[in-house]
Amino acid sequence: ELEEKRLDVLYSYLQLDTARDAAFELLAEAAAEICQVP
């Protein structure tokens, strides 16, 4: 039941299967740069 609640919360944000978002891409780029990983 806790996993179901977690999934409900996840779905409430309506972010799954959305289009590319430059702001999220920038966060990923920053993480790769800071951690020096590909």
PDB file of all heavy atoms in Angstrom:
ATOM      1  N   GLU A   1       0.818  -1.209   0.000  1.00  0.00           N
ATOM      2  CA  GLU A   1       0.000   0.000   0.000  1.00  0.00           C
ATOM      3  C   GLU A   1       0.857   1.267   0.000  1.00  0.00           C
ATOM      4  O   GLU A   1       0.460   2.298  -0.550  1.00  0.00           O
ATOM      5  CB  GLU A   1      -0.961   0.020   1.189  1.00  0.00           C
ATOM      6  CG  GLU A   1      -0.306  -0.046   2.568  1.00  0.00           C
ATOM      7  CD  GLU A   1      -0.129  -1.482   3.067  1.00  0.00           C
ATOM      8  OE1 GLU A   1      -0.163  -2.413   2.232  1.00  0.00           O
ATOM      9  OE2 GLU A   1       0.035  -1.644   4.289  1.00  0.00           O
ATOM     10  N   LEU A   2       2.080   1.217   0.581  1.00  0.00           N
ATOM     11  CA  LEU A   2       2.969   2.371   0.560  1.00  0.00           C
ATOM     12  C   LEU A   2       3.504   2.598  -0.851  1.00  0.00           C
ATOM     13  O   LEU A   2       3.632   3.741  -1.294  1.00  0.00           O
ATOM     14  CB  LEU A   2       4.124   2.176   1.548  1.00  0.00           C
ATOM     15  CG  LEU A   2       5.079   3.362   1.695  1.00  0.00           C
ATOM     16  CD1 LEU A   2       4.321   4.607   2.131  1.00  0.00           C
ATOM     17  CD2 LEU A   2       6.184   3.043   2.697  1.00  0.00           C
ATOM     18  N   GLU A   3       3.814   1.517  -1.548  1.00  0.00           N
ATOM     19  CA  GLU A   3       4.266   1.636  -2.931  1.00  0.00           C
ATOM     20  C   GLU A   3       3.156   2.216  -3.795  1.00  0.00           C
ATOM     21  O   GLU A   3       3.408   3.045  -4.685  1.00  0.00           O
ATOM     22  CB  GLU A   3       4.700   0.267  -3.466  1.00  0.00           C
ATOM     23  CG  GLU A   3       4.991   0.217  -4.965  1.00  0.00           C
ATOM     24  CD  GLU A   3       6.163   1.069  -5.421  1.00  0.00           C
ATOM     25  OE1 GLU A   3       6.763   1.785  -4.590  1.00  0.00           O
ATOM     26  OE2 GLU A   3       6.496   1.021  -6.613  1.00  0.00           O
ATOM     27  N   GLU A   4       1.923   1.833  -3.553  1.00  0.00           N
ATOM     28  CA  GLU A   4       0.812   2.394  -4.321  1.00  0.00           C
ATOM     29  C   GLU A   4       0.676   3.892  -4.055  1.00  0.00           C
ATOM     30  O   GLU A   4       0.397   4.663  -4.972  1.00  0.00           O
ATOM     31  CB  GLU A   4      -0.494   1.670  -3.986  1.00  0.00           C
ATOM     32  CG  GLU A   4      -0.555   0.233  -4.465  1.00  0.00           C
ATOM     33  CD  GLU A   4      -0.344   0.113  -5.962  1.00  0.00           C
ATOM     34  OE1 GLU A   4      -0.931   0.920  -6.720  1.00  0.00           O
ATOM     35  OE2 GLU A   4       0.415  -0.780  -6.388  1.00  0.00           O
ATOM     36  N   LYS A   5       0.876   4.297  -2.816  1.00  0.00           N
ATOM     37  CA  LYS A   5       0.823   5.725  -2.506  1.00  0.00           C
ATOM     38  C   LYS A   5       1.953   6.464  -3.203  1.00  0.00           C
ATOM     39  O   LYS A   5       1.767   7.578  -3.715  1.00  0.00           O
ATOM     40  CB  LYS A   5       0.899   5.937  -0.988  1.00  0.00           C
ATOM     41  CG  LYS A   5      -0.349   5.494  -0.229  1.00  0.00           C
ATOM     42  CD  LYS A   5      -0.197   5.747   1.261  1.00  0.00           C
ATOM     43  CE  LYS A   5      -1.437   5.272   2.025  1.00  0.00           C
ATOM     44  NZ  LYS A   5      -1.292   5.471   3.493  1.00  0.00           N
ATOM     45  N   ARG A   6       3.152   5.838  -3.201  1.00  0.00           N
ATOM     46  CA  ARG A   6       4.291   6.457  -3.884  1.00  0.00           C
ATOM     47  C   ARG A   6       3.996   6.653  -5.360  1.00  0.00           C
ATOM     48  O   ARG A   6       4.276   7.704  -5.946  1.00  0.00           O
ATOM     49  CB  ARG A   6       5.540   5.586  -3.705  1.00  0.00           C
ATOM     50  CG  ARG A   6       6.836   6.223  -4.223  1.00  0.00           C
ATOM     51  CD  ARG A   6       7.968   5.222  -4.316  1.00  0.00           C
ATOM     52  NE  ARG A   6       7.758   4.311  -5.446  1.00  0.00           N
ATOM     53  CZ  ARG A   6       8.080   4.604  -6.708  1.00  0.00           C
ATOM     54  NH1 ARG A   6       8.615   5.781  -6.996  1.00  0.00           N
ATOM     55  NH2 ARG A   6       7.868   3.742  -7.673  1.00  0.00           N
ATOM     56  N   LEU A   7       3.404   5.634  -5.984  1.00  0.00           N
ATOM     57  CA  LEU A   7       3.067   5.728  -7.402  1.00  0.00           C
ATOM     58  C   LEU A   7       1.996   6.783  -7.646  1.00  0.00           C
ATOM     59  O   LEU A   7       2.054   7.520  -8.631  1.00  0.00           O
ATOM     60  CB  LEU A   7       2.611   4.366  -7.927  1.00  0.00           C
ATOM     61  CG  LEU A   7       3.707   3.303  -8.034  1.00  0.00           C
ATOM     62  CD1 LEU A   7       3.095   1.935  -8.314  1.00  0.00           C
ATOM     63  CD2 LEU A   7       4.718   3.667  -9.119  1.00  0.00           C
ATOM     64  N   ASP A   8       1.030   6.872  -6.748  1.00  0.00           N
ATOM     65  CA  ASP A   8       0.004   7.901  -6.882  1.00  0.00           C
ATOM     66  C   ASP A   8       0.631   9.291  -6.861  1.00  0.00           C
ATOM     67  O   ASP A   8       0.243  10.176  -7.632  1.00  0.00           O
ATOM     68  CB  ASP A   8      -1.032   7.781  -5.757  1.00  0.00           C
ATOM     69  CG  ASP A   8      -1.960   6.592  -5.934  1.00  0.00           C
ATOM     70  OD1 ASP A   8      -2.029   6.050  -7.053  1.00  0.00           O
ATOM     71  OD2 ASP A   8      -2.607   6.200  -4.945  1.00  0.00           O
ATOM     72  N   VAL A   9       1.586   9.483  -5.956  1.00  0.00           N
ATOM     73  CA  VAL A   9       2.276  10.764  -5.876  1.00  0.00           C
ATOM     74  C   VAL A   9       3.058  11.024  -7.162  1.00  0.00           C
ATOM     75  O   VAL A   9       3.013  12.122  -7.724  1.00  0.00           O
ATOM     76  CB  VAL A   9       3.204  10.807  -4.648  1.00  0.00           C
ATOM     77  CG1 VAL A   9       4.071  12.063  -4.683  1.00  0.00           C
ATOM     78  CG2 VAL A   9       2.396  10.757  -3.364  1.00  0.00           C
ATOM     79  N   LEU A  10       3.769  10.026  -7.641  1.00  0.00           N
ATOM     80  CA  LEU A  10       4.520  10.155  -8.886  1.00  0.00           C
ATOM     81  C   LEU A  10       3.602  10.562 -10.033  1.00  0.00           C
ATOM     82  O   LEU A  10       3.888  11.505 -10.782  1.00  0.00           O
ATOM     83  CB  LEU A  10       5.214   8.834  -9.210  1.00  0.00           C
ATOM     84  CG  LEU A  10       5.837   8.718 -10.611  1.00  0.00           C
ATOM     85  CD1 LEU A  10       6.956   9.737 -10.798  1.00  0.00           C
ATOM     86  CD2 LEU A  10       6.348   7.305 -10.853  1.00  0.00           C
ATOM     87  N   TYR A  11       2.486   9.864 -10.167  1.00  0.00           N
ATOM     88  CA  TYR A  11       1.573  10.137 -11.277  1.00  0.00           C
ATOM     89  C   TYR A  11       0.933  11.515 -11.158  1.00  0.00           C
ATOM     90  O   TYR A  11       0.568  12.126 -12.165  1.00  0.00           O
ATOM     91  CB  TYR A  11       0.489   9.067 -11.343  1.00  0.00           C
ATOM     92  CG  TYR A  11       1.009   7.658 -11.576  1.00  0.00           C
ATOM     93  CD1 TYR A  11       0.316   6.551 -11.094  1.00  0.00           C
ATOM     94  CD2 TYR A  11       2.220   7.438 -12.239  1.00  0.00           C
ATOM     95  CE1 TYR A  11       0.789   5.263 -11.290  1.00  0.00           C
ATOM     96  CE2 TYR A  11       2.697   6.148 -12.441  1.00  0.00           C
ATOM     97  CZ  TYR A  11       1.987   5.062 -11.960  1.00  0.00           C
ATOM     98  OH  TYR A  11       2.471   3.791 -12.153  1.00  0.00           O
ATOM     99  N   SER A  12       0.798  12.000  -9.933  1.00  0.00           N
ATOM    100  CA  SER A  12       0.148  13.299  -9.737  1.00  0.00           C
ATOM    101  C   SER A  12       0.954  14.436 -10.348  1.00  0.00           C
ATOM    102  O   SER A  12       0.393  15.491 -10.679  1.00  0.00           O
ATOM    103  CB  SER A  12      -0.080  13.567  -8.247  1.00  0.00           C
ATOM    104  OG  SER A  12       1.144  13.842  -7.574  1.00  0.00           O
ATOM    105  N   TYR A  13       2.249  14.235 -10.534  1.00  0.00           N
ATOM    106  CA  TYR A  13       3.087  15.283 -11.117  1.00  0.00           C
ATOM    107  C   TYR A  13       2.985  15.327 -12.636  1.00  0.00           C
ATOM    108  O   TYR A  13       3.428  16.299 -13.259  1.00  0.00           O
ATOM    109  CB  TYR A  13       4.548  15.077 -10.700  1.00  0.00           C
ATOM    110  CG  TYR A  13       4.814  15.416  -9.251  1.00  0.00           C
ATOM    111  CD1 TYR A  13       5.065  14.424  -8.316  1.00  0.00           C
ATOM    112  CD2 TYR A  13       4.803  16.738  -8.809  1.00  0.00           C
ATOM    113  CE1 TYR A  13       5.295  14.729  -6.981  1.00  0.00           C
ATOM    114  CE2 TYR A  13       5.039  17.061  -7.486  1.00  0.00           C
ATOM    115  CZ  TYR A  13       5.284  16.041  -6.577  1.00  0.00           C
ATOM    116  OH  TYR A  13       5.512  16.356  -5.263  1.00  0.00           O
ATOM    117  N   LEU A  14       2.441  14.270 -13.263  1.00  0.00           N
ATOM    118  CA  LEU A  14       2.215  14.229 -14.715  1.00  0.00           C
ATOM    119  C   LEU A  14       3.491  14.510 -15.503  1.00  0.00           C
ATOM    120  O   LEU A  14       3.485  15.252 -16.491  1.00  0.00           O
ATOM    121  CB  LEU A  14       1.133  15.240 -15.100  1.00  0.00           C
ATOM    122  CG  LEU A  14      -0.242  15.033 -14.462  1.00  0.00           C
ATOM    123  CD1 LEU A  14      -1.171  16.190 -14.799  1.00  0.00           C
ATOM    124  CD2 LEU A  14      -0.840  13.714 -14.915  1.00  0.00           C
ATOM    125  N   GLN A  15       4.591  13.899 -15.073  1.00  0.00           N
ATOM    126  CA  GLN A  15       5.868  14.113 -15.750  1.00  0.00           C
ATOM    127  C   GLN A  15       6.341  12.917 -16.563  1.00  0.00           C
ATOM    128  O   GLN A  15       7.257  13.046 -17.378  1.00  0.00           O
ATOM    129  CB  GLN A  15       6.943  14.488 -14.723  1.00  0.00           C
ATOM    130  CG  GLN A  15       6.800  15.887 -14.152  1.00  0.00           C
ATOM    131  CD  GLN A  15       6.916  16.954 -15.221  1.00  0.00           C
ATOM    132  OE1 GLN A  15       7.908  17.025 -15.943  1.00  0.00           O
ATOM    133  NE2 GLN A  15       5.887  17.784 -15.338  1.00  0.00           N
ATOM    134  N   LEU A  16       5.742  11.770 -16.354  1.00  0.00           N
ATOM    135  CA  LEU A  16       6.136  10.598 -17.137  1.00  0.00           C
ATOM    136  C   LEU A  16       5.774  10.811 -18.602  1.00  0.00           C
ATOM    137  O   LEU A  16       4.699  11.330 -18.927  1.00  0.00           O
ATOM    138  CB  LEU A  16       5.441   9.344 -16.602  1.00  0.00           C
ATOM    139  CG  LEU A  16       5.952   8.797 -15.268  1.00  0.00           C
ATOM    140  CD1 LEU A  16       4.979   7.762 -14.720  1.00  0.00           C
ATOM    141  CD2 LEU A  16       7.339   8.198 -15.411  1.00  0.00           C
ATOM    142  N   ASP A  17       6.685  10.406 -19.485  1.00  0.00           N
ATOM    143  CA  ASP A  17       6.430  10.441 -20.939  1.00  0.00           C
ATOM    144  C   ASP A  17       6.135  11.843 -21.458  1.00  0.00           C
ATOM    145  O   ASP A  17       5.398  12.001 -22.426  1.00  0.00           O
ATOM    146  CB  ASP A  17       5.279   9.493 -21.295  1.00  0.00           C
ATOM    147  CG  ASP A  17       5.549   8.061 -20.851  1.00  0.00           C
ATOM    148  OD1 ASP A  17       6.615   7.528 -21.207  1.00  0.00           O
ATOM    149  OD2 ASP A  17       4.710   7.489 -20.139  1.00  0.00           O
ATOM    150  N   THR A  18       6.743  12.842 -20.831  1.00  0.00           N
ATOM    151  CA  THR A  18       6.582  14.212 -21.311  1.00  0.00           C
ATOM    152  C   THR A  18       7.683  14.554 -22.304  1.00  0.00           C
ATOM    153  O   THR A  18       8.671  13.827 -22.444  1.00  0.00           O
ATOM    154  CB  THR A  18       6.618  15.204 -20.138  1.00  0.00           C
ATOM    155  OG1 THR A  18       7.784  14.929 -19.334  1.00  0.00           O
ATOM    156  CG2 THR A  18       5.379  15.065 -19.280  1.00  0.00           C
ATOM    157  N   ALA A  19       7.517  15.664 -22.994  1.00  0.00           N
ATOM    158  CA  ALA A  19       8.504  16.094 -23.984  1.00  0.00           C
ATOM    159  C   ALA A  19       9.795  16.524 -23.293  1.00  0.00           C
ATOM    160  O   ALA A  19       9.836  16.750 -22.079  1.00  0.00           O
ATOM    161  CB  ALA A  19       7.936  17.245 -24.805  1.00  0.00           C
ATOM    162  N   ARG A  20      10.844  16.634 -24.085  1.00  0.00           N
ATOM    163  CA  ARG A  20      12.127  17.085 -23.545  1.00  0.00           C
ATOM    164  C   ARG A  20      11.970  18.457 -22.920  1.00  0.00           C
ATOM    165  O   ARG A  20      11.217  19.289 -23.388  1.00  0.00           O
ATOM    166  CB  ARG A  20      13.176  17.142 -24.653  1.00  0.00           C
ATOM    167  CG  ARG A  20      13.611  15.780 -25.160  1.00  0.00           C
ATOM    168  CD  ARG A  20      14.793  15.921 -26.105  1.00  0.00           C
ATOM    169  NE  ARG A  20      15.932  16.559 -25.436  1.00  0.00           N
ATOM    170  CZ  ARG A  20      17.082  16.833 -26.052  1.00  0.00           C
ATOM    171  NH1 ARG A  20      17.230  16.563 -27.338  1.00  0.00           N
ATOM    172  NH2 ARG A  20      18.083  17.397 -25.405  1.00  0.00           N
ATOM    173  N   ASP A  21      12.712  18.673 -21.853  1.00  0.00           N
ATOM    174  CA  ASP A  21      12.628  19.926 -21.108  1.00  0.00           C
ATOM    175  C   ASP A  21      14.058  20.401 -20.868  1.00  0.00           C
ATOM    176  O   ASP A  21      14.850  19.742 -20.197  1.00  0.00           O
ATOM    177  CB  ASP A  21      11.901  19.687 -19.779  1.00  0.00           C
ATOM    178  CG  ASP A  21      11.600  20.975 -19.027  1.00  0.00           C
ATOM    179  OD1 ASP A  21      12.459  21.872 -19.018  1.00  0.00           O
ATOM    180  OD2 ASP A  21      10.506  21.072 -18.441  1.00  0.00           O
ATOM    181  N   ALA A  22      14.391  21.564 -21.424  1.00  0.00           N
ATOM    182  CA  ALA A  22      15.766  22.065 -21.361  1.00  0.00           C
ATOM    183  C   ALA A  22      16.256  22.268 -19.928  1.00  0.00           C
ATOM    184  O   ALA A  22      17.442  22.100 -19.644  1.00  0.00           O
ATOM    185  CB  ALA A  22      15.873  23.373 -22.136  1.00  0.00           C
ATOM    186  N   ALA A  23      15.349  22.618 -19.020  1.00  0.00           N
ATOM    187  CA  ALA A  23      15.753  22.853 -17.631  1.00  0.00           C
ATOM    188  C   ALA A  23      16.234  21.568 -16.971  1.00  0.00           C
ATOM    189  O   ALA A  23      17.235  21.558 -16.235  1.00  0.00           O
ATOM    190  CB  ALA A  23      14.596  23.453 -16.847  1.00  0.00           C
ATOM    191  N   PHE A  24      15.565  20.446 -17.237  1.00  0.00           N
ATOM    192  CA  PHE A  24      16.011  19.164 -16.698  1.00  0.00           C
ATOM    193  C   PHE A  24      17.309  18.712 -17.379  1.00  0.00           C
ATOM    194  O   PHE A  24      18.183  18.136 -16.735  1.00  0.00           O
ATOM    195  CB  PHE A  24      14.920  18.103 -16.876  1.00  0.00           C
ATOM    196  CG  PHE A  24      13.762  18.250 -15.937  1.00  0.00           C
ATOM    197  CD1 PHE A  24      12.602  18.888 -16.338  1.00  0.00           C
ATOM    198  CD2 PHE A  24      13.828  17.759 -14.643  1.00  0.00           C
ATOM    199  CE1 PHE A  24      11.522  19.032 -15.478  1.00  0.00           C
ATOM    200  CE2 PHE A  24      12.761  17.897 -13.765  1.00  0.00           C
ATOM    201  CZ  PHE A  24      11.603  18.547 -14.185  1.00  0.00           C
ATOM    202  N   GLU A  25      17.414  18.976 -18.670  1.00  0.00           N
ATOM    203  CA  GLU A  25      18.643  18.630 -19.391  1.00  0.00           C
ATOM    204  C   GLU A  25      19.840  19.372 -18.795  1.00  0.00           C
ATOM    205  O   GLU A  25      20.932  18.813 -18.658  1.00  0.00           O
ATOM    206  CB  GLU A  25      18.499  18.989 -20.879  1.00  0.00           C
ATOM    207  CG  GLU A  25      17.417  18.236 -21.616  1.00  0.00           C
ATOM    208  CD  GLU A  25      17.808  16.809 -21.951  1.00  0.00           C
ATOM    209  OE1 GLU A  25      18.987  16.462 -21.796  1.00  0.00           O
ATOM    210  OE2 GLU A  25      16.919  16.034 -22.363  1.00  0.00           O
ATOM    211  N   LEU A  26      19.616  20.628 -18.417  1.00  0.00           N
ATOM    212  CA  LEU A  26      20.700  21.417 -17.839  1.00  0.00           C
ATOM    213  C   LEU A  26      21.151  20.850 -16.497  1.00  0.00           C
ATOM    214  O   LEU A  26      22.361  20.818 -16.194  1.00  0.00           O
ATOM    215  CB  LEU A  26      20.241  22.870 -17.668  1.00  0.00           C
ATOM    216  CG  LEU A  26      21.299  23.861 -17.163  1.00  0.00           C
ATOM    217  CD1 LEU A  26      22.484  23.913 -18.127  1.00  0.00           C
ATOM    218  CD2 LEU A  26      20.688  25.250 -16.992  1.00  0.00           C
ATOM    219  N   LEU A  27      20.209  20.371 -15.701  1.00  0.00           N
ATOM    220  CA  LEU A  27      20.572  19.753 -14.420  1.00  0.00           C
ATOM    221  C   LEU A  27      21.411  18.496 -14.639  1.00  0.00           C
ATOM    222  O   LEU A  27      22.380  18.242 -13.917  1.00  0.00           O
ATOM    223  CB  LEU A  27      19.315  19.432 -13.617  1.00  0.00           C
ATOM    224  CG  LEU A  27      18.585  20.620 -12.979  1.00  0.00           C
ATOM    225  CD1 LEU A  27      17.263  20.161 -12.386  1.00  0.00           C
ATOM    226  CD2 LEU A  27      19.458  21.269 -11.908  1.00  0.00           C
ATOM    227  N   ALA A  28      21.030  17.691 -15.632  1.00  0.00           N
ATOM    228  CA  ALA A  28      21.806  16.489 -15.938  1.00  0.00           C
ATOM    229  C   ALA A  28      23.207  16.864 -16.416  1.00  0.00           C
ATOM    230  O   ALA A  28      24.200  16.224 -16.040  1.00  0.00           O
ATOM    231  CB  ALA A  28      21.075  15.657 -16.991  1.00  0.00           C
ATOM    232  N   GLU A  29      23.297  17.900 -17.247  1.00  0.00           N
ATOM    233  CA  GLU A  29      24.603  18.349 -17.732  1.00  0.00           C
ATOM    234  C   GLU A  29      25.475  18.836 -16.577  1.00  0.00           C
ATOM    235  O   GLU A  29      26.688  18.553 -16.532  1.00  0.00           O
ATOM    236  CB  GLU A  29      24.415  19.464 -18.755  1.00  0.00           C
ATOM    237  CG  GLU A  29      23.804  19.005 -20.074  1.00  0.00           C
ATOM    238  CD  GLU A  29      23.483  20.167 -20.998  1.00  0.00           C
ATOM    239  OE1 GLU A  29      23.920  21.299 -20.684  1.00  0.00           O
ATOM    240  OE2 GLU A  29      22.805  19.949 -22.012  1.00  0.00           O
ATOM    241  N   ALA A  30      24.863  19.557 -15.639  1.00  0.00           N
ATOM    242  CA  ALA A  30      25.622  20.045 -14.487  1.00  0.00           C
ATOM    243  C   ALA A  30      26.130  18.878 -13.649  1.00  0.00           C
ATOM    244  O   ALA A  30      27.291  18.882 -13.188  1.00  0.00           O
ATOM    245  CB  ALA A  30      24.746  20.969 -13.642  1.00  0.00           C
ATOM    246  N   ALA A  31      25.300  17.869 -13.450  1.00  0.00           N
ATOM    247  CA  ALA A  31      25.715  16.697 -12.676  1.00  0.00           C
ATOM    248  C   ALA A  31      26.868  15.978 -13.351  1.00  0.00           C
ATOM    249  O   ALA A  31      27.836  15.574 -12.688  1.00  0.00           O
ATOM    250  CB  ALA A  31      24.531  15.745 -12.503  1.00  0.00           C
ATOM    251  N   ALA A  32      26.802  15.812 -14.673  1.00  0.00           N
ATOM    252  CA  ALA A  32      27.874  15.135 -15.400  1.00  0.00           C
ATOM    253  C   ALA A  32      29.172  15.927 -15.323  1.00  0.00           C
ATOM    254  O   ALA A  32      30.258  15.356 -15.154  1.00  0.00           O
ATOM    255  CB  ALA A  32      27.458  14.927 -16.858  1.00  0.00           C
ATOM    256  N   GLU A  33      29.059  17.250 -15.431  1.00  0.00           N
ATOM    257  CA  GLU A  33      30.248  18.098 -15.406  1.00  0.00           C
ATOM    258  C   GLU A  33      30.902  18.075 -14.029  1.00  0.00           C
ATOM    259  O   GLU A  33      32.130  17.938 -13.906  1.00  0.00           O
ATOM    260  CB  GLU A  33      29.846  19.519 -15.782  1.00  0.00           C
ATOM    261  CG  GLU A  33      30.988  20.518 -15.775  1.00  0.00           C
ATOM    262  CD  GLU A  33      31.993  20.281 -16.888  1.00  0.00           C
ATOM    263  OE1 GLU A  33      31.620  19.654 -17.910  1.00  0.00           O
ATOM    264  OE2 GLU A  33      33.159  20.712 -16.720  1.00  0.00           O
ATOM    265  N   ILE A  34      30.106  18.220 -12.982  1.00  0.00           N
ATOM    266  CA  ILE A  34      30.649  18.270 -11.625  1.00  0.00           C
ATOM    267  C   ILE A  34      31.269  16.939 -11.221  1.00  0.00           C
ATOM    268  O   ILE A  34      32.315  16.892 -10.562  1.00  0.00           O
ATOM    269  CB  ILE A  34      29.541  18.673 -10.639  1.00  0.00           C
ATOM    270  CG1 ILE A  34      29.170  20.139 -10.871  1.00  0.00           C
ATOM    271  CG2 ILE A  34      29.948  18.438  -9.194  1.00  0.00           C
ATOM    272  CD1 ILE A  34      27.899  20.583 -10.196  1.00  0.00           C
ATOM    273  N   CYS A  35      30.636  15.852 -11.623  1.00  0.00           N
ATOM    274  CA  CYS A  35      31.125  14.530 -11.233  1.00  0.00           C
ATOM    275  C   CYS A  35      32.124  13.952 -12.242  1.00  0.00           C
ATOM    276  O   CYS A  35      32.653  12.855 -12.024  1.00  0.00           O
ATOM    277  CB  CYS A  35      29.946  13.572 -11.064  1.00  0.00           C
ATOM    278  SG  CYS A  35      28.824  14.049  -9.728  1.00  0.00           S
ATOM    279  N   GLN A  36      32.334  14.672 -13.341  1.00  0.00           N
ATOM    280  CA  GLN A  36      33.298  14.252 -14.360  1.00  0.00           C
ATOM    281  C   GLN A  36      33.012  12.842 -14.868  1.00  0.00           C
ATOM    282  O   GLN A  36      33.865  11.957 -14.822  1.00  0.00           O
ATOM    283  CB  GLN A  36      34.729  14.349 -13.801  1.00  0.00           C
ATOM    284  CG  GLN A  36      35.180  15.772 -13.501  1.00  0.00           C
ATOM    285  CD  GLN A  36      35.295  16.629 -14.760  1.00  0.00           C
ATOM    286  OE1 GLN A  36      36.160  16.392 -15.594  1.00  0.00           O
ATOM    287  NE2 GLN A  36      34.408  17.614 -14.887  1.00  0.00           N
ATOM    288  N   VAL A  37      31.793  12.667 -15.349  1.00  0.00           N
ATOM    289  CA  VAL A  37      31.361  11.359 -15.854  1.00  0.00           C
ATOM    290  C   VAL A  37      30.704  11.540 -17.226  1.00  0.00           C
ATOM    291  O   VAL A  37      30.236  12.629 -17.567  1.00  0.00           O
ATOM    292  CB  VAL A  37      30.352  10.697 -14.891  1.00  0.00           C
ATOM    293  CG1 VAL A  37      31.012  10.357 -13.559  1.00  0.00           C
ATOM    294  CG2 VAL A  37      29.138  11.602 -14.673  1.00  0.00           C
ATOM    295  N   PRO A  38      30.659  10.485 -18.036  1.00  0.00           N
ATOM    296  CA  PRO A  38      30.034  10.587 -19.357  1.00  0.00           C
ATOM    297  C   PRO A  38      28.510  10.452 -19.332  1.00  0.00           C
ATOM    298  O   PRO A  38      27.860  10.758 -20.328  1.00  0.00           O
ATOM    299  CB  PRO A  38      30.654   9.421 -20.130  1.00  0.00           C
ATOM    300  CG  PRO A  38      30.966   8.408 -19.073  1.00  0.00           C
ATOM    301  CD  PRO A  38      31.362   9.192 -17.861  1.00  0.00           C
TER     302      PRO A  38
END
